[in-house]
C-alpha atoms as a PDB file:
ATOM      1  CA  MET A   1     125.605 107.262  73.486  1.00  0.00           C
ATOM      2  CA  ALA A   2     124.838 106.319  77.106  1.00  0.00           C
ATOM      3  CA  PHE A   3     122.239 103.657  77.856  1.00  0.00           C
ATOM      4  CA  GLY A   4     119.360 105.573  79.481  1.00  0.00           C
ATOM      5  CA  GLU A   5     115.916 105.051  81.016  1.00  0.00           C
ATOM      6  CA  PHE A   6     114.052 104.767  77.716  1.00  0.00           C
ATOM      7  CA  ASP A   7     116.653 102.369  76.329  1.00  0.00           C
ATOM      8  CA  LEU A   8     116.056 100.235  79.436  1.00  0.00           C
ATOM      9  CA  ILE A   9     112.298 100.204  78.841  1.00  0.00           C
ATOM     10  CA  ASP A  10     112.695  99.460  75.128  1.00  0.00           C
ATOM     11  CA  THR A  11     115.263  96.693  75.674  1.00  0.00           C
ATOM     12  CA  TYR A  12     113.715  94.804  78.581  1.00  0.00           C
ATOM     13  CA  PHE A  13     109.993  95.622  78.692  1.00  0.00           C
ATOM     14  CA  THR A  14     108.744  96.266  75.152  1.00  0.00           C
ATOM     15  CA  HIS A  15     109.588  93.476  72.698  1.00  0.00           C
ATOM     16  CA  ARG A  16     108.458  89.816  72.808  1.00  0.00           C
ATOM     17  CA  TRP A  17     105.933  90.439  75.591  1.00  0.00           C
ATOM     18  CA  PRO A  18     102.388  88.981  75.474  1.00  0.00           C
ATOM     19  CA  LYS A  19      99.746  91.179  73.831  1.00  0.00           C
ATOM     20  CA  ARG A  20      96.009  91.349  74.502  1.00  0.00           C
ATOM     21  CA  ASP A  21      93.224  92.662  72.275  1.00  0.00           C
ATOM     22  CA  ASP A  22      91.746  94.731  75.127  1.00  0.00           C
ATOM     23  CA  VAL A  23      94.891  96.898  75.392  1.00  0.00           C
ATOM     24  CA  VAL A  24      94.314  99.861  73.074  1.00  0.00           C
ATOM     25  CA  VAL A  25      97.575 101.603  74.038  1.00  0.00           C
ATOM     26  CA  GLY A  26     100.215  99.920  76.193  1.00  0.00           C
ATOM     27  CA  VAL A  27     103.900 100.515  76.921  1.00  0.00           C
ATOM     28  CA  GLY A  28     105.397 103.527  75.146  1.00  0.00           C
ATOM     29  CA  ASP A  29     102.932 106.378  75.669  1.00  0.00           C
ATOM     30  CA  ASP A  30     102.127 108.711  78.590  1.00  0.00           C
ATOM     31  CA  ALA A  31      99.447 106.341  79.866  1.00  0.00           C
ATOM     32  CA  ALA A  32      97.745 103.112  78.901  1.00  0.00           C
ATOM     33  CA  ILE A  33      94.309 102.922  77.290  1.00  0.00           C
ATOM     34  CA  LEU A  34      92.330  99.803  78.171  1.00  0.00           C
ATOM     35  CA  ALA A  35      88.961  98.333  77.217  1.00  0.00           C
ATOM     36  CA  VAL A  36      87.030  96.928  80.193  1.00  0.00           C
ATOM     37  CA  PRO A  37      84.288  94.401  79.271  1.00  0.00           C
ATOM     38  CA  SER A  38      80.823  95.852  79.861  1.00  0.00           C
ATOM     39  CA  ASP A  39      79.672  92.798  81.834  1.00  0.00           C
ATOM     40  CA  SER A  40      82.608  92.839  84.245  1.00  0.00           C
ATOM     41  CA  GLU A  41      83.953  94.720  87.228  1.00  0.00           C
ATOM     42  CA  LEU A  42      87.623  95.701  87.424  1.00  0.00           C
ATOM     43  CA  VAL A  43      89.666  94.207  90.283  1.00  0.00           C
ATOM     44  CA  ILE A  44      92.971  95.923  91.150  1.00  0.00           C
ATOM     45  CA  ALA A  45      95.779  94.810  93.487  1.00  0.00           C
ATOM     46  CA  THR A  46      99.195  96.341  94.242  1.00  0.00           C
ATOM     47  CA  ASP A  47     102.224  94.820  95.978  1.00  0.00           C
ATOM     48  CA  THR A  48     105.741  96.098  96.572  1.00  0.00           C
ATOM     49  CA  MET A  49     108.917  94.066  97.066  1.00  0.00           C
ATOM     50  CA  VAL A  50     111.914  95.797  98.659  1.00  0.00           C
ATOM     51  CA  ALA A  51     115.480  94.477  98.587  1.00  0.00           C
ATOM     52  CA  GLY A  52     116.561  93.524 102.090  1.00  0.00           C
ATOM     53  CA  VAL A  53     112.945  93.062 103.217  1.00  0.00           C
ATOM     54  CA  HIS A  54     111.263  90.714 100.724  1.00  0.00           C
ATOM     55  CA  PHE A  55     114.369  89.332  99.033  1.00  0.00           C
ATOM     56  CA  ASP A  56     118.158  89.494  99.372  1.00  0.00           C
ATOM     57  CA  HIS A  57     121.230  89.203  97.168  1.00  0.00           C
ATOM     58  CA  GLN A  58     120.836  85.401  97.089  1.00  0.00           C
ATOM     59  CA  THR A  59     117.467  85.655  95.347  1.00  0.00           C
ATOM     60  CA  PRO A  60     117.741  85.134  91.572  1.00  0.00           C
ATOM     61  CA  ALA A  61     116.518  88.113  89.566  1.00  0.00           C
ATOM     62  CA  ARG A  62     114.216  85.800  87.601  1.00  0.00           C
ATOM     63  CA  ALA A  63     112.577  84.783  90.887  1.00  0.00           C
ATOM     64  CA  VAL A  64     112.012  88.452  91.834  1.00  0.00           C
ATOM     65  CA  GLY A  65     110.312  89.073  88.496  1.00  0.00           C
ATOM     66  CA  HIS A  66     108.111  86.004  88.873  1.00  0.00           C
ATOM     67  CA  LYS A  67     107.196  86.589  92.483  1.00  0.00           C
ATOM     68  CA  VAL A  68     106.291  90.270  92.285  1.00  0.00           C
ATOM     69  CA  ALA A  69     103.691  89.329  89.663  1.00  0.00           C
ATOM     70  CA  ALA A  70     102.586  86.154  91.436  1.00  0.00           C
ATOM     71  CA  VAL A  71     101.764  87.881  94.720  1.00  0.00           C
ATOM     72  CA  ASN A  72      99.478  90.289  92.886  1.00  0.00           C
ATOM     73  CA  LEU A  73      97.853  87.537  90.846  1.00  0.00           C
ATOM     74  CA  SER A  74      97.250  85.673  94.110  1.00  0.00           C
ATOM     75  CA  ASP A  75      95.226  88.670  95.340  1.00  0.00           C
ATOM     76  CA  LEU A  76      93.188  88.550  92.129  1.00  0.00           C
ATOM     77  CA  ALA A  77      92.707  84.801  92.604  1.00  0.00           C
ATOM     78  CA  ALA A  78      91.314  85.387  96.089  1.00  0.00           C
ATOM     79  CA  MET A  79      88.676  87.654  94.541  1.00  0.00           C
ATOM     80  CA  GLY A  80      87.826  85.137  91.810  1.00  0.00           C
ATOM     81  CA  ALA A  81      89.175  87.454  89.121  1.00  0.00           C
ATOM     82  CA  GLU A  82      90.642  86.720  85.693  1.00  0.00           C
ATOM     83  CA  PRO A  83      94.046  88.458  85.292  1.00  0.00           C
ATOM     84  CA  ALA A  84      94.418  90.907  82.413  1.00  0.00           C
ATOM     85  CA  TRP A  85      97.046  93.645  82.843  1.00  0.00           C
ATOM     86  CA  LEU A  86     100.120  94.501  84.911  1.00  0.00           C
ATOM     87  CA  SER A  87     101.885  97.810  85.451  1.00  0.00           C
ATOM     88  CA  LEU A  88     105.413  98.001  86.848  1.00  0.00           C
ATOM     89  CA  ALA A  89     107.278 100.603  88.908  1.00  0.00           C
ATOM     90  CA  LEU A  90     110.973  99.664  89.083  1.00  0.00           C
ATOM     91  CA  THR A  91     113.552 101.502  91.188  1.00  0.00           C
ATOM     92  CA  LEU A  92     117.180 100.507  90.546  1.00  0.00           C
ATOM     93  CA  PRO A  93     120.362 101.582  92.348  1.00  0.00           C
ATOM     94  CA  GLU A  94     122.281 101.166  89.069  1.00  0.00           C
ATOM     95  CA  LEU A  95     121.970  99.667  85.612  1.00  0.00           C
ATOM     96  CA  ASP A  96     122.733  95.956  85.988  1.00  0.00           C
ATOM     97  CA  HIS A  97     122.043  94.286  82.650  1.00  0.00           C
ATOM     98  CA  ASP A  98     122.417  90.745  83.974  1.00  0.00           C
ATOM     99  CA  TRP A  99     119.902  91.446  86.735  1.00  0.00           C
ATOM    100  CA  LEU A 100     117.487  93.160  84.344  1.00  0.00           C
ATOM    101  CA  THR A 101     117.705  90.259  81.901  1.00  0.00           C
ATOM    102  CA  GLY A 102     116.796  87.741  84.610  1.00  0.00           C
ATOM    103  CA  PHE A 103     114.110  89.946  86.155  1.00  0.00           C
ATOM    104  CA  SER A 104     112.371  90.739  82.879  1.00  0.00           C
ATOM    105  CA  HIS A 105     112.538  87.053  81.862  1.00  0.00           C
ATOM    106  CA  GLY A 106     110.812  85.952  85.086  1.00  0.00           C
ATOM    107  CA  LEU A 107     108.150  88.637  84.775  1.00  0.00           C
ATOM    108  CA  ARG A 108     107.535  87.897  81.106  1.00  0.00           C
ATOM    109  CA  GLU A 109     107.200  84.143  81.761  1.00  0.00           C
ATOM    110  CA  ILE A 110     104.422  84.539  84.310  1.00  0.00           C
ATOM    111  CA  CYS A 111     102.685  87.187  82.188  1.00  0.00           C
ATOM    112  CA  ALA A 112     102.622  84.773  79.269  1.00  0.00           C
ATOM    113  CA  TYR A 113     101.343  81.892  81.416  1.00  0.00           C
ATOM    114  CA  TYR A 114      98.413  83.874  82.825  1.00  0.00           C
ATOM    115  CA  ASP A 115      97.744  85.903  79.640  1.00  0.00           C
ATOM    116  CA  CYS A 116      98.633  89.243  81.214  1.00  0.00           C
ATOM    117  CA  GLN A 117     100.011  92.203  79.324  1.00  0.00           C
ATOM    118  CA  LEU A 118     102.482  94.693  80.764  1.00  0.00           C
ATOM    119  CA  ILE A 119     100.825  98.029  80.045  1.00  0.00           C
ATOM    120  CA  GLY A 120     103.290 100.571  81.461  1.00  0.00           C
ATOM    121  CA  GLY A 121     104.728 101.936  84.679  1.00  0.00           C
ATOM    122  CA  ASP A 122     107.837 103.844  85.704  1.00  0.00           C
ATOM    123  CA  THR A 123     111.585 103.420  86.160  1.00  0.00           C
ATOM    124  CA  THR A 124     113.627 105.454  88.646  1.00  0.00           C
ATOM    125  CA  LYS A 125     117.005 105.404  90.396  1.00  0.00           C
ATOM    126  CA  GLY A 126     117.218 104.558  94.097  1.00  0.00           C
ATOM    127  CA  PRO A 127     117.177 101.592  96.523  1.00  0.00           C
ATOM    128  CA  LEU A 128     116.089  98.407  94.701  1.00  0.00           C
ATOM    129  CA  THR A 129     112.281  98.313  94.897  1.00  0.00           C
ATOM    130  CA  VAL A 130     109.749  96.615  92.635  1.00  0.00           C
ATOM    131  CA  THR A 131     106.038  97.473  92.617  1.00  0.00           C
ATOM    132  CA  VAL A 132     103.432  95.785  90.439  1.00  0.00           C
ATOM    133  CA  THR A 133      99.767  96.627  90.063  1.00  0.00           C
ATOM    134  CA  ALA A 134      97.610  93.846  88.648  1.00  0.00           C
ATOM    135  CA  HIS A 135      94.222  94.364  87.009  1.00  0.00           C
ATOM    136  CA  GLY A 136      91.661  91.665  86.410  1.00  0.00           C
ATOM    137  CA  PHE A 137      87.995  91.104  85.566  1.00  0.00           C
ATOM    138  CA  VAL A 138      85.212  89.473  87.510  1.00  0.00           C
ATOM    139  CA  PRO A 139      81.554  89.187  86.438  1.00  0.00           C
ATOM    140  CA  ILE A 140      79.431  91.932  87.982  1.00  0.00           C
ATOM    141  CA  GLY A 141      78.517  91.024  91.563  1.00  0.00           C
ATOM    142  CA  ALA A 142      80.491  87.751  91.535  1.00  0.00           C
ATOM    143  CA  ALA A 143      83.692  88.774  93.336  1.00  0.00           C
ATOM    144  CA  LEU A 144      84.747  86.731  96.365  1.00  0.00           C
ATOM    145  CA  LEU A 145      85.034  88.862  99.512  1.00  0.00           C
ATOM    146  CA  ARG A 146      86.167  88.362 103.113  1.00  0.00           C
ATOM    147  CA  ASP A 147      82.878  89.256 104.796  1.00  0.00           C
ATOM    148  CA  GLY A 148      80.565  86.414 103.739  1.00  0.00           C
ATOM    149  CA  ALA A 149      81.487  83.575 106.125  1.00  0.00           C
ATOM    150  CA  LYS A 150      78.636  82.256 108.276  1.00  0.00           C
ATOM    151  CA  PRO A 151      78.508  79.892 111.286  1.00  0.00           C
ATOM    152  CA  GLY A 152      78.519  76.306 110.036  1.00  0.00           C
ATOM    153  CA  ASP A 153      80.576  77.044 106.909  1.00  0.00           C
ATOM    154  CA  TRP A 154      83.530  74.738 106.307  1.00  0.00           C
ATOM    155  CA  VAL A 155      87.060  76.173 106.185  1.00  0.00           C
ATOM    156  CA  TYR A 156      89.371  75.031 103.369  1.00  0.00           C
ATOM    157  CA  VAL A 157      92.911  75.744 102.230  1.00  0.00           C
ATOM    158  CA  SER A 158      94.570  74.941  98.922  1.00  0.00           C
ATOM    159  CA  GLY A 159      97.970  73.288  98.643  1.00  0.00           C
ATOM    160  CA  ASN A 160     100.533  72.650 101.386  1.00  0.00           C
ATOM    161  CA  LEU A 161     101.318  75.256 104.016  1.00  0.00           C
ATOM    162  CA  GLY A 162     104.597  76.269 105.620  1.00  0.00           C
ATOM    163  CA  ASP A 163     107.088  75.332 102.882  1.00  0.00           C
ATOM    164  CA  ALA A 164     108.110  78.912 102.064  1.00  0.00           C
ATOM    165  CA  GLY A 165     108.607  79.622 105.758  1.00  0.00           C
ATOM    166  CA  LEU A 166     110.817  76.555 106.090  1.00  0.00           C
ATOM    167  CA  ALA A 167     112.904  77.677 103.089  1.00  0.00           C
ATOM    168  CA  LEU A 168     113.387  81.114 104.625  1.00  0.00           C
ATOM    169  CA  ALA A 169     114.355  79.580 107.975  1.00  0.00           C
ATOM    170  CA  ALA A 170     116.912  77.366 106.222  1.00  0.00           C
ATOM    171  CA  GLN A 171     118.346  80.359 104.370  1.00  0.00           C
ATOM    172  CA  GLN A 172     118.740  82.170 107.684  1.00  0.00           C
ATOM    173  CA  ASN A 173     120.276  79.117 109.386  1.00  0.00           C
ATOM    174  CA  ARG A 174     117.275  78.700 111.692  1.00  0.00           C
ATOM    175  CA  ALA A 175     116.454  75.222 110.350  1.00  0.00           C
ATOM    176  CA  GLU A 176     118.402  72.284 108.966  1.00  0.00           C
ATOM    177  CA  ILE A 177     116.905  70.367 106.046  1.00  0.00           C
ATOM    178  CA  SER A 178     118.224  67.961 103.441  1.00  0.00           C
ATOM    179  CA  ALA A 179     119.469  69.248 100.098  1.00  0.00           C
ATOM    180  CA  ARG A 180     116.590  67.484  98.321  1.00  0.00           C
ATOM    181  CA  HIS A 181     113.945  69.095 100.514  1.00  0.00           C
ATOM    182  CA  TYR A 182     115.693  72.460 100.414  1.00  0.00           C
ATOM    183  CA  ARG A 183     115.499  72.609  96.606  1.00  0.00           C
ATOM    184  CA  ARG A 184     111.782  71.911  96.732  1.00  0.00           C
ATOM    185  CA  VAL A 185     110.843  74.424  99.417  1.00  0.00           C
ATOM    186  CA  LEU A 186     113.109  77.077  97.915  1.00  0.00           C
ATOM    187  CA  GLU A 187     111.131  76.707  94.695  1.00  0.00           C
ATOM    188  CA  ARG A 188     107.940  77.304  96.694  1.00  0.00           C
ATOM    189  CA  LEU A 189     109.473  80.447  98.229  1.00  0.00           C
ATOM    190  CA  HIS A 190     110.859  81.929  95.018  1.00  0.00           C
ATOM    191  CA  PHE A 191     108.268  80.782  92.446  1.00  0.00           C
ATOM    192  CA  PRO A 192     104.818  80.644  94.096  1.00  0.00           C
ATOM    193  CA  SER A 193     101.869  79.527  91.969  1.00  0.00           C
ATOM    194  CA  PRO A 194      98.843  81.814  92.375  1.00  0.00           C
ATOM    195  CA  ARG A 195      95.610  79.780  92.482  1.00  0.00           C
ATOM    196  CA  VAL A 196      93.918  81.722  89.697  1.00  0.00           C
ATOM    197  CA  ALA A 197      91.867  78.865  88.239  1.00  0.00           C
ATOM    198  CA  LEU A 198      90.713  77.761  91.696  1.00  0.00           C
ATOM    199  CA  GLY A 199      89.575  81.269  92.588  1.00  0.00           C
ATOM    200  CA  GLN A 200      87.444  81.500  89.461  1.00  0.00           C
ATOM    201  CA  SER A 201      85.935  78.062  90.191  1.00  0.00           C
ATOM    202  CA  LEU A 202      84.855  79.261  93.640  1.00  0.00           C
ATOM    203  CA  ARG A 203      82.849  82.301  92.498  1.00  0.00           C
ATOM    204  CA  GLU A 204      79.430  80.695  92.897  1.00  0.00           C
ATOM    205  CA  ILE A 205      80.463  78.372  95.730  1.00  0.00           C
ATOM    206  CA  ALA A 206      82.627  79.995  98.409  1.00  0.00           C
ATOM    207  CA  SER A 207      81.115  82.387 100.948  1.00  0.00           C
ATOM    208  CA  SER A 208      84.446  84.129 101.628  1.00  0.00           C
ATOM    209  CA  ALA A 209      88.071  83.901 100.544  1.00  0.00           C
ATOM    210  CA  ILE A 210      91.538  85.341 101.114  1.00  0.00           C
ATOM    211  CA  ASP A 211      95.011  84.501  99.900  1.00  0.00           C
ATOM    212  CA  ILE A 212      97.565  83.293 102.467  1.00  0.00           C
ATOM    213  CA  SER A 213     100.397  85.791 102.210  1.00  0.00           C
ATOM    214  CA  ASP A 214     101.109  86.632 105.862  1.00  0.00           C
ATOM    215  CA  GLY A 215     100.382  83.191 107.353  1.00  0.00           C
ATOM    216  CA  LEU A 216      97.176  81.183 107.829  1.00  0.00           C
ATOM    217  CA  LEU A 217      96.479  82.468 111.348  1.00  0.00           C
ATOM    218  CA  ALA A 218      96.804  86.103 110.352  1.00  0.00           C
ATOM    219  CA  ASP A 219      94.880  85.836 107.106  1.00  0.00           C
ATOM    220  CA  LEU A 220      92.056  83.650 108.417  1.00  0.00           C
ATOM    221  CA  GLN A 221      91.526  86.185 111.177  1.00  0.00           C
ATOM    222  CA  HIS A 222      90.873  88.821 108.514  1.00  0.00           C
ATOM    223  CA  ILE A 223      87.932  86.703 107.343  1.00  0.00           C
ATOM    224  CA  LEU A 224      86.713  86.215 110.922  1.00  0.00           C
ATOM    225  CA  LYS A 225      86.864  89.934 111.653  1.00  0.00           C
ATOM    226  CA  ALA A 226      85.181  90.973 108.399  1.00  0.00           C
ATOM    227  CA  SER A 227      82.447  88.322 108.799  1.00  0.00           C
ATOM    228  CA  ASN A 228      82.032  88.764 112.576  1.00  0.00           C
ATOM    229  CA  VAL A 229      82.459  85.033 113.202  1.00  0.00           C
ATOM    230  CA  GLY A 230      84.923  82.608 114.807  1.00  0.00           C
ATOM    231  CA  ALA A 231      86.484  79.324 113.711  1.00  0.00           C
ATOM    232  CA  ARG A 232      87.633  75.956 115.008  1.00  0.00           C
ATOM    233  CA  ILE A 233      90.703  74.592 113.206  1.00  0.00           C
ATOM    234  CA  ASP A 234      91.887  70.971 113.515  1.00  0.00           C
ATOM    235  CA  VAL A 235      95.675  71.242 113.382  1.00  0.00           C
ATOM    236  CA  ASP A 236      95.982  67.576 112.390  1.00  0.00           C
ATOM    237  CA  GLU A 237      94.165  68.400 109.130  1.00  0.00           C
ATOM    238  CA  LEU A 238      96.614  71.081 108.011  1.00  0.00           C
ATOM    239  CA  PRO A 239      98.127  70.006 104.647  1.00  0.00           C
ATOM    240  CA  LEU A 240     101.878  69.520 105.126  1.00  0.00           C
ATOM    241  CA  SER A 241     104.543  68.498 102.630  1.00  0.00           C
ATOM    242  CA  MET A 242     106.962  65.662 103.239  1.00  0.00           C
ATOM    243  CA  ALA A 243     109.726  68.274 103.220  1.00  0.00           C
ATOM    244  CA  LEU A 244     108.159  69.954 106.252  1.00  0.00           C
ATOM    245  CA  ILE A 245     107.196  66.714 108.041  1.00  0.00           C
ATOM    246  CA  GLU A 246     110.685  65.246 107.672  1.00  0.00           C
ATOM    247  CA  SER A 247     112.558  68.437 108.581  1.00  0.00           C
ATOM    248  CA  VAL A 248     111.013  69.491 111.908  1.00  0.00           C
ATOM    249  CA  ASP A 249     109.020  67.885 114.718  1.00  0.00           C
ATOM    250  CA  ALA A 250     105.227  67.567 114.555  1.00  0.00           C
ATOM    251  CA  ASP A 251     104.385  70.694 116.540  1.00  0.00           C
ATOM    252  CA  GLY A 252     107.060  72.645 114.685  1.00  0.00           C
ATOM    253  CA  ALA A 253     105.537  71.661 111.348  1.00  0.00           C
ATOM    254  CA  ILE A 254     102.114  72.818 112.548  1.00  0.00           C
ATOM    255  CA  SER A 255     103.599  76.126 113.703  1.00  0.00           C
ATOM    256  CA  TYR A 256     105.190  76.702 110.289  1.00  0.00           C
ATOM    257  CA  ALA A 257     101.874  75.921 108.586  1.00  0.00           C
ATOM    258  CA  LEU A 258      99.976  78.316 110.838  1.00  0.00           C
ATOM    259  CA  CYS A 259     102.381  81.231 110.976  1.00  0.00           C
ATOM    260  CA  SER A 260     104.644  81.313 107.915  1.00  0.00           C
ATOM    261  CA  GLY A 261     104.043  83.857 105.208  1.00  0.00           C
ATOM    262  CA  ASP A 262     104.628  83.578 101.453  1.00  0.00           C
ATOM    263  CA  ASP A 263     102.499  80.464 100.863  1.00  0.00           C
ATOM    264  CA  TYR A 264     100.127  82.222  98.419  1.00  0.00           C
ATOM    265  CA  GLU A 265      97.530  79.512  98.763  1.00  0.00           C
ATOM    266  CA  LEU A 266      93.828  80.310  99.175  1.00  0.00           C
ATOM    267  CA  CYS A 267      91.855  80.047 102.399  1.00  0.00           C
ATOM    268  CA  PHE A 268      88.103  80.032 101.858  1.00  0.00           C
ATOM    269  CA  THR A 269      84.788  78.991 103.372  1.00  0.00           C
ATOM    270  CA  VAL A 270      82.045  76.847 101.866  1.00  0.00           C
ATOM    271  CA  PRO A 271      78.462  76.663 103.205  1.00  0.00           C
ATOM    272  CA  GLU A 272      77.104  73.193 103.974  1.00  0.00           C
ATOM    273  CA  SER A 273      74.412  73.741 101.319  1.00  0.00           C
ATOM    274  CA  ARG A 274      77.065  74.123  98.584  1.00  0.00           C
ATOM    275  CA  ARG A 275      79.437  71.408  99.715  1.00  0.00           C
ATOM    276  CA  GLY A 276      78.095  68.841  97.263  1.00  0.00           C
ATOM    277  CA  VAL A 277      78.529  71.261  94.361  1.00  0.00           C
ATOM    278  CA  PHE A 278      82.000  72.087  95.646  1.00  0.00           C
ATOM    279  CA  ASP A 279      83.013  68.416  95.775  1.00  0.00           C
ATOM    280  CA  THR A 280      81.706  67.906  92.237  1.00  0.00           C
ATOM    281  CA  VAL A 281      83.639  70.884  90.877  1.00  0.00           C
ATOM    282  CA  MET A 282      86.820  69.893  92.725  1.00  0.00           C
ATOM    283  CA  ALA A 283      86.637  66.336  91.356  1.00  0.00           C
ATOM    284  CA  ARG A 284      87.397  67.829  87.934  1.00  0.00           C
ATOM    285  CA  HIS A 285      89.899  70.374  89.234  1.00  0.00           C
ATOM    286  CA  PRO A 286      93.665  69.808  89.521  1.00  0.00           C
ATOM    287  CA  ALA A 287      93.696  71.569  92.899  1.00  0.00           C
ATOM    288  CA  LYS A 288      92.595  69.443  95.850  1.00  0.00           C
ATOM    289  CA  PRO A 289      91.774  71.798  98.731  1.00  0.00           C
ATOM    290  CA  THR A 290      91.797  70.447 102.279  1.00  0.00           C
ATOM    291  CA  CYS A 291      89.032  70.988 104.841  1.00  0.00           C
ATOM    292  CA  ILE A 292      90.702  72.137 108.078  1.00  0.00           C
ATOM    293  CA  GLY A 293      87.823  73.315 110.252  1.00  0.00           C
ATOM    294  CA  ARG A 294      84.509  75.073 110.591  1.00  0.00           C
ATOM    295  CA  ILE A 295      83.171  78.568 111.199  1.00  0.00           C
ATOM    296  CA  THR A 296      81.554  79.267 114.589  1.00  0.00           C
ATOM    297  CA  ASN A 297      79.340  82.029 115.942  1.00  0.00           C
ATOM    298  CA  LYS A 298      81.935  83.255 118.479  1.00  0.00           C
ATOM    299  CA  ALA A 299      83.088  86.476 116.870  1.00  0.00           C
ATOM    300  CA  SER A 300      86.857  86.692 116.229  1.00  0.00           C
ATOM    301  CA  ASP A 301      87.480  83.543 118.306  1.00  0.00           C
ATOM    302  CA  LEU A 302      89.991  81.280 116.557  1.00  0.00           C
ATOM    303  CA  ARG A 303      90.370  77.978 118.382  1.00  0.00           C
ATOM    304  CA  LEU A 304      93.145  75.549 117.426  1.00  0.00           C
ATOM    305  CA  GLU A 305      92.201  71.971 118.301  1.00  0.00           C
ATOM    306  CA  ARG A 306      93.605  68.464 118.263  1.00  0.00           C
ATOM    307  CA  ASN A 307      91.215  65.581 119.012  1.00  0.00           C
ATOM    308  CA  GLU A 308      88.578  68.229 119.876  1.00  0.00           C
ATOM    309  CA  GLU A 309      90.785  69.606 122.659  1.00  0.00           C
ATOM    310  CA  LEU A 310      92.796  72.824 122.677  1.00  0.00           C
ATOM    311  CA  TRP A 311      96.109  72.368 120.887  1.00  0.00           C
ATOM    312  CA  GLN A 312      98.955  73.178 123.255  1.00  0.00           C
ATOM    313  CA  GLY A 313     101.695  73.742 120.674  1.00  0.00           C
ATOM    314  CA  LEU A 314     103.766  76.895 120.452  1.00  0.00           C
ATOM    315  CA  VAL A 315     102.739  79.679 118.088  1.00  0.00           C
ATOM    316  CA  GLU A 316     105.529  82.236 117.871  1.00  0.00           C
ATOM    317  CA  ARG A 317     103.406  84.892 116.172  1.00  0.00           C
ATOM    318  CA  ASP A 318     100.091  85.274 114.407  1.00  0.00           C
ATOM    319  CA  GLY A 319     101.713  85.980 111.043  1.00  0.00           C
ATOM    320  CA  TYR A 320     103.926  88.428 109.213  1.00  0.00           C
ATOM    321  CA  ASP A 321     103.510  92.145 109.926  1.00  0.00           C
ATOM    322  CA  HIS A 322     105.861  94.738 108.418  1.00  0.00           C
ATOM    323  CA  PHE A 323     105.604  97.016 111.445  1.00  0.00           C
ATOM    324  CA  SER A 324     105.484  94.568 114.369  1.00  0.00           C
END
């Protein structure tokens, strides 16, 4: 008997996956049935990864499985949400059991780590495309949004910026880096770590937040537009890895940090009145966010400074845009 669609689902996406008590009916029926806590709001995010756009034939299948979940969990993190469920729509040009084994392994690993359950989805034949929808909970009224930044708030980012962009440039022969550094930044590109715990810690502290998926410049400007404010950013404060510092010149490193996509760190703002609480919480937190600037009252004005003067470095683009 031929191996068909339902054999695929049963083999790769049914057994040995994490289970949650709030999933009444999961994979295997016409639709999932889920129990949403009465004291919570449901947060939903969807991302699609397309072969030839978001990844190529060099990308390990396990990395595709990990990343398609991670980018959605990063959106939940930016809202301060606790991950709960994932649904998957998978379009395959053909049945490739080796690829499916690696992909399902990567997806299952990250689901187990963040206590998410795969609750269903769809499988079809066509150009290789992977879509995940993530669902999470946040206490009623506690979600982090983009529109709360106020003049005087401090601007922070988590983690180092620009590593994924450097890895992509190296893959495309646009940058030369050492083998040691390449392994590290390639890990950042293929296996990003969504800042889920940090997002939840910021619920009562941050005034706004966003995840950095399209590049710091592009994503910070979403906060500025939604909040009707501006910002001053000190480029010397941008958190950079040794891989980036040792691979390109100083202005090039800053440009990668500002413009590269796929970092999946958080950018957020903290009012002066909550900064002490923030510092106290972060002292006990494994993440050590970096303060890179301050919000101003000049709407949508993003000023890049060095030594309080306008930074004159080259910015090739404001960030990633599928249609630009």
